[in-house]
């Protein structure tokens, strides 16, 4: 259910997209493509895009670089959230978080349950904040990316969404009129 405030202006964010996969390439990364299409259709801009093999240290290196880049305000990570031995995205990225966004994984699994039933328990979708950069991690399927973007992330990266969103927190040095969080 969307709650928007029309007198608040939309703020375009710079968002990075990371696909975690040992097999995807730029030619067949439909999940990354779906996220890029979603964020640009919503009015945001793509800051950077990468494909990284499922390796704890390579993942941390890419995401750490983006967290340190003041021009990247949000990061969308697709893949590596399952239970196979190669799925290491949670183990790689949660140590980087200043704060976890506990409700994201629960809400993702609730929405996913409506689409894929109990198989959603094999998703370790999670999110957090690091250096005022919000990071959303989701499964690698294109359907899961669309569920996460359309059902959760799009609204949370829109300053008009009420009662709360993440825009003020990630827009360093700028005040955004939101109902939650401190004023700068």
Protein backbone atom coordinates (compact mmCIF):
# COMPACT_ATOMS: atom_id res chain seq x y z
CA UNK A 1 0.00 0.00 0.00
CA UNK A 2 1.56 3.27 -1.10
CA UNK A 3 1.28 6.39 0.99
CA UNK A 4 2.63 9.49 -0.71
CA UNK A 5 2.75 13.17 0.11
CA UNK A 6 2.27 15.29 -3.00
CA UNK A 7 3.85 18.48 -1.60
CA UNK A 8 7.21 16.71 -1.15
CA UNK A 9 9.44 16.66 -4.21
CA UNK A 10 10.91 13.49 -5.68
CA UNK A 11 14.67 13.26 -5.18
CA UNK A 12 16.70 11.26 -7.66
CA UNK A 13 19.27 9.00 -6.02
CA UNK A 14 22.45 7.51 -7.46
CA UNK A 15 22.12 3.75 -7.10
CA UNK A 16 24.72 1.02 -7.72
CA UNK A 17 23.69 -2.49 -8.80
CA UNK A 18 25.77 -5.57 -8.02
CA UNK A 19 25.01 -9.02 -9.39
CA UNK A 20 26.61 -11.85 -7.41
CA UNK A 21 27.10 -14.85 -9.68
CA UNK A 22 29.67 -17.30 -10.91
CA UNK A 23 27.80 -17.72 -14.22
CA UNK A 24 26.11 -14.44 -15.19
CA UNK A 25 27.62 -12.06 -17.70
CA UNK A 26 26.60 -8.64 -19.00
CA UNK A 27 24.77 -10.46 -21.80
CA UNK A 28 22.56 -12.65 -19.58
CA UNK A 29 22.20 -10.71 -16.32
CA UNK A 30 18.42 -10.37 -16.44
CA UNK A 31 18.19 -9.72 -12.69
CA UNK A 32 20.60 -6.80 -12.83
CA UNK A 33 18.77 -5.56 -15.92
CA UNK A 34 15.44 -5.65 -14.06
CA UNK A 35 16.86 -3.60 -11.19
CA UNK A 36 18.41 -1.04 -13.54
CA UNK A 37 15.13 -0.76 -15.46
CA UNK A 38 13.19 -0.32 -12.21
CA UNK A 39 15.44 2.34 -10.74
CA UNK A 40 15.68 4.36 -13.94
CA UNK A 41 11.92 4.13 -14.57
CA UNK A 42 11.41 5.50 -11.04
CA UNK A 43 13.61 8.51 -11.88
CA UNK A 44 16.87 7.47 -10.20
CA UNK A 45 20.24 7.19 -11.93
CA UNK A 46 22.60 4.25 -12.17
CA UNK A 47 25.81 5.14 -10.32
CA UNK A 48 27.70 1.94 -11.13
CA UNK A 49 27.03 -1.64 -12.11
CA UNK A 50 29.13 -4.74 -11.64
CA UNK A 51 29.03 -8.52 -11.70
CA UNK A 52 31.09 -10.23 -9.04
CA UNK A 53 31.68 -13.92 -8.46
CA UNK A 54 30.36 -15.29 -5.18
CA UNK A 55 33.48 -14.73 -3.08
CA UNK A 56 33.32 -13.12 0.36
CA UNK A 57 36.37 -10.90 -0.12
CA UNK A 58 35.58 -9.80 -3.67
CA UNK A 59 32.03 -8.90 -2.59
CA UNK A 60 33.32 -6.89 0.37
CA UNK A 61 35.83 -5.09 -1.85
CA UNK A 62 33.23 -3.97 -4.40
CA UNK A 63 30.61 -2.95 -1.85
CA UNK A 64 33.19 -1.27 0.43
CA UNK A 65 34.34 0.88 -2.49
CA UNK A 66 30.75 1.94 -3.21
CA UNK A 67 30.03 2.61 0.48
CA UNK A 68 33.07 4.92 0.60
CA UNK A 69 31.96 6.77 -2.56
CA UNK A 70 29.87 9.76 -1.44
CA UNK A 71 28.08 9.83 -4.80
CA UNK A 72 26.56 6.35 -4.26
CA UNK A 73 23.49 6.63 -2.05
CA UNK A 74 22.02 3.14 -2.37
CA UNK A 75 23.24 -0.29 -3.41
CA UNK A 76 21.09 -3.11 -4.78
CA UNK A 77 22.66 -6.56 -4.58
CA UNK A 78 21.14 -9.55 -6.35
CA UNK A 79 22.30 -13.12 -5.78
CA UNK A 80 24.21 -15.17 -3.27
CA UNK A 81 21.47 -15.18 -0.64
CA UNK A 82 20.51 -18.86 -0.75
CA UNK A 83 21.80 -21.84 1.20
CA UNK A 84 24.31 -23.48 -1.13
CA UNK A 85 27.98 -23.47 -0.20
CA UNK A 86 28.61 -20.75 -2.81
CA UNK A 87 25.93 -18.41 -1.38
CA UNK A 88 27.95 -16.03 0.79
CA UNK A 89 26.41 -12.60 0.32
CA UNK A 90 25.03 -12.33 3.90
CA UNK A 91 28.32 -13.46 5.41
CA UNK A 92 30.26 -11.05 3.20
CA UNK A 93 28.18 -7.92 3.66
CA UNK A 94 26.57 -7.92 7.11
CA UNK A 95 29.93 -7.16 8.81
CA UNK A 96 30.02 -3.91 6.79
CA UNK A 97 26.70 -2.64 8.16
CA UNK A 98 26.47 0.11 10.76
CA UNK A 99 22.83 -0.91 11.25
CA UNK A 100 20.69 -3.77 9.98
CA UNK A 101 17.26 -3.13 8.48
CA UNK A 102 15.56 -6.05 10.21
CA UNK A 103 12.13 -5.71 8.62
CA UNK A 104 13.28 -5.90 5.01
CA UNK A 105 13.98 -9.65 4.98
CA UNK A 106 10.75 -10.45 6.77
CA UNK A 107 8.68 -8.28 4.44
CA UNK A 108 10.44 -9.69 1.37
CA UNK A 109 9.66 -13.24 2.47
CA UNK A 110 6.02 -12.29 3.15
CA UNK A 111 5.63 -10.87 -0.37
CA UNK A 112 7.56 -13.77 -1.87
CA UNK A 113 5.39 -16.32 -0.07
CA UNK A 114 2.40 -15.02 -2.05
CA UNK A 115 4.34 -15.81 -5.26
CA UNK A 116 6.36 -18.97 -4.55
CA UNK A 117 4.92 -20.41 -1.35
CA UNK A 118 7.09 -22.02 1.27
CA UNK A 119 10.17 -21.99 -0.98
CA UNK A 120 10.64 -18.43 0.25
CA UNK A 121 12.19 -19.79 3.46
CA UNK A 122 15.32 -20.47 1.44
CA UNK A 123 15.77 -16.75 0.85
CA UNK A 124 18.16 -14.89 3.12
CA UNK A 125 17.18 -11.46 1.80
CA UNK A 126 18.59 -8.78 4.09
CA UNK A 127 19.40 -5.06 4.20
CA UNK A 128 21.41 -2.56 6.14
CA UNK A 129 23.00 0.85 6.27
CA UNK A 130 26.72 1.58 6.04
CA UNK A 131 28.21 5.07 5.94
CA UNK A 132 24.77 6.55 5.14
CA UNK A 133 24.42 4.19 2.17
CA UNK A 134 21.38 1.92 2.19
CA UNK A 135 22.03 -1.61 0.93
CA UNK A 136 19.28 -4.02 -0.13
CA UNK A 137 20.24 -7.65 -0.87
CA UNK A 138 17.87 -10.04 -2.60
CA UNK A 139 17.88 -13.43 -4.32
CA UNK A 140 19.31 -13.75 -7.80
CA UNK A 141 16.14 -14.59 -9.70
CA UNK A 142 14.62 -11.89 -11.88
CA UNK A 143 11.25 -12.47 -10.23
CA UNK A 144 12.74 -11.93 -6.77
CA UNK A 145 14.36 -8.69 -7.92
CA UNK A 146 11.05 -7.41 -9.25
CA UNK A 147 9.30 -8.41 -6.01
CA UNK A 148 11.89 -6.60 -3.90
CA UNK A 149 11.96 -3.47 -6.09
CA UNK A 150 8.23 -3.12 -6.72
CA UNK A 151 7.06 -4.29 -3.29
CA UNK A 152 9.56 -2.58 -0.98
CA UNK A 153 12.58 -0.74 -2.31
CA UNK A 154 10.94 1.65 -4.82
CA UNK A 155 8.82 3.26 -2.09
CA UNK A 156 11.63 3.34 0.47
CA UNK A 157 13.82 5.28 -1.99
CA UNK A 158 11.09 7.83 -2.72
CA UNK A 159 11.07 10.98 -0.54
CA UNK A 160 7.31 11.29 -1.07
CA UNK A 161 6.56 7.94 0.59
CA UNK A 162 4.94 8.24 4.02
CA UNK A 163 5.31 7.88 6.88
CA UNK A 164 9.02 6.98 6.45
CA UNK A 165 11.64 6.44 3.78
CA UNK A 166 15.44 6.31 3.56
CA UNK A 167 15.99 9.35 1.33
CA UNK A 168 16.85 11.93 4.01
CA UNK A 169 19.36 9.56 5.58
CA UNK A 170 21.25 8.94 2.32
CA UNK A 171 21.15 12.50 0.96
CA UNK A 172 24.14 13.87 2.86
CA UNK A 173 24.15 17.60 3.44
CA UNK A 174 20.56 18.02 2.26
CA UNK A 175 17.34 18.27 4.22
CA UNK A 176 14.39 16.34 2.88
CA UNK A 177 10.93 16.83 4.35
CA UNK A 178 10.12 13.44 5.85
CA UNK A 179 8.01 12.33 8.77
CA UNK A 180 10.81 10.23 10.31
CA UNK A 181 14.38 10.95 11.29
CA UNK A 182 16.36 14.05 12.20
CA UNK A 183 16.39 17.30 10.29
CA UNK A 184 19.74 18.54 8.98
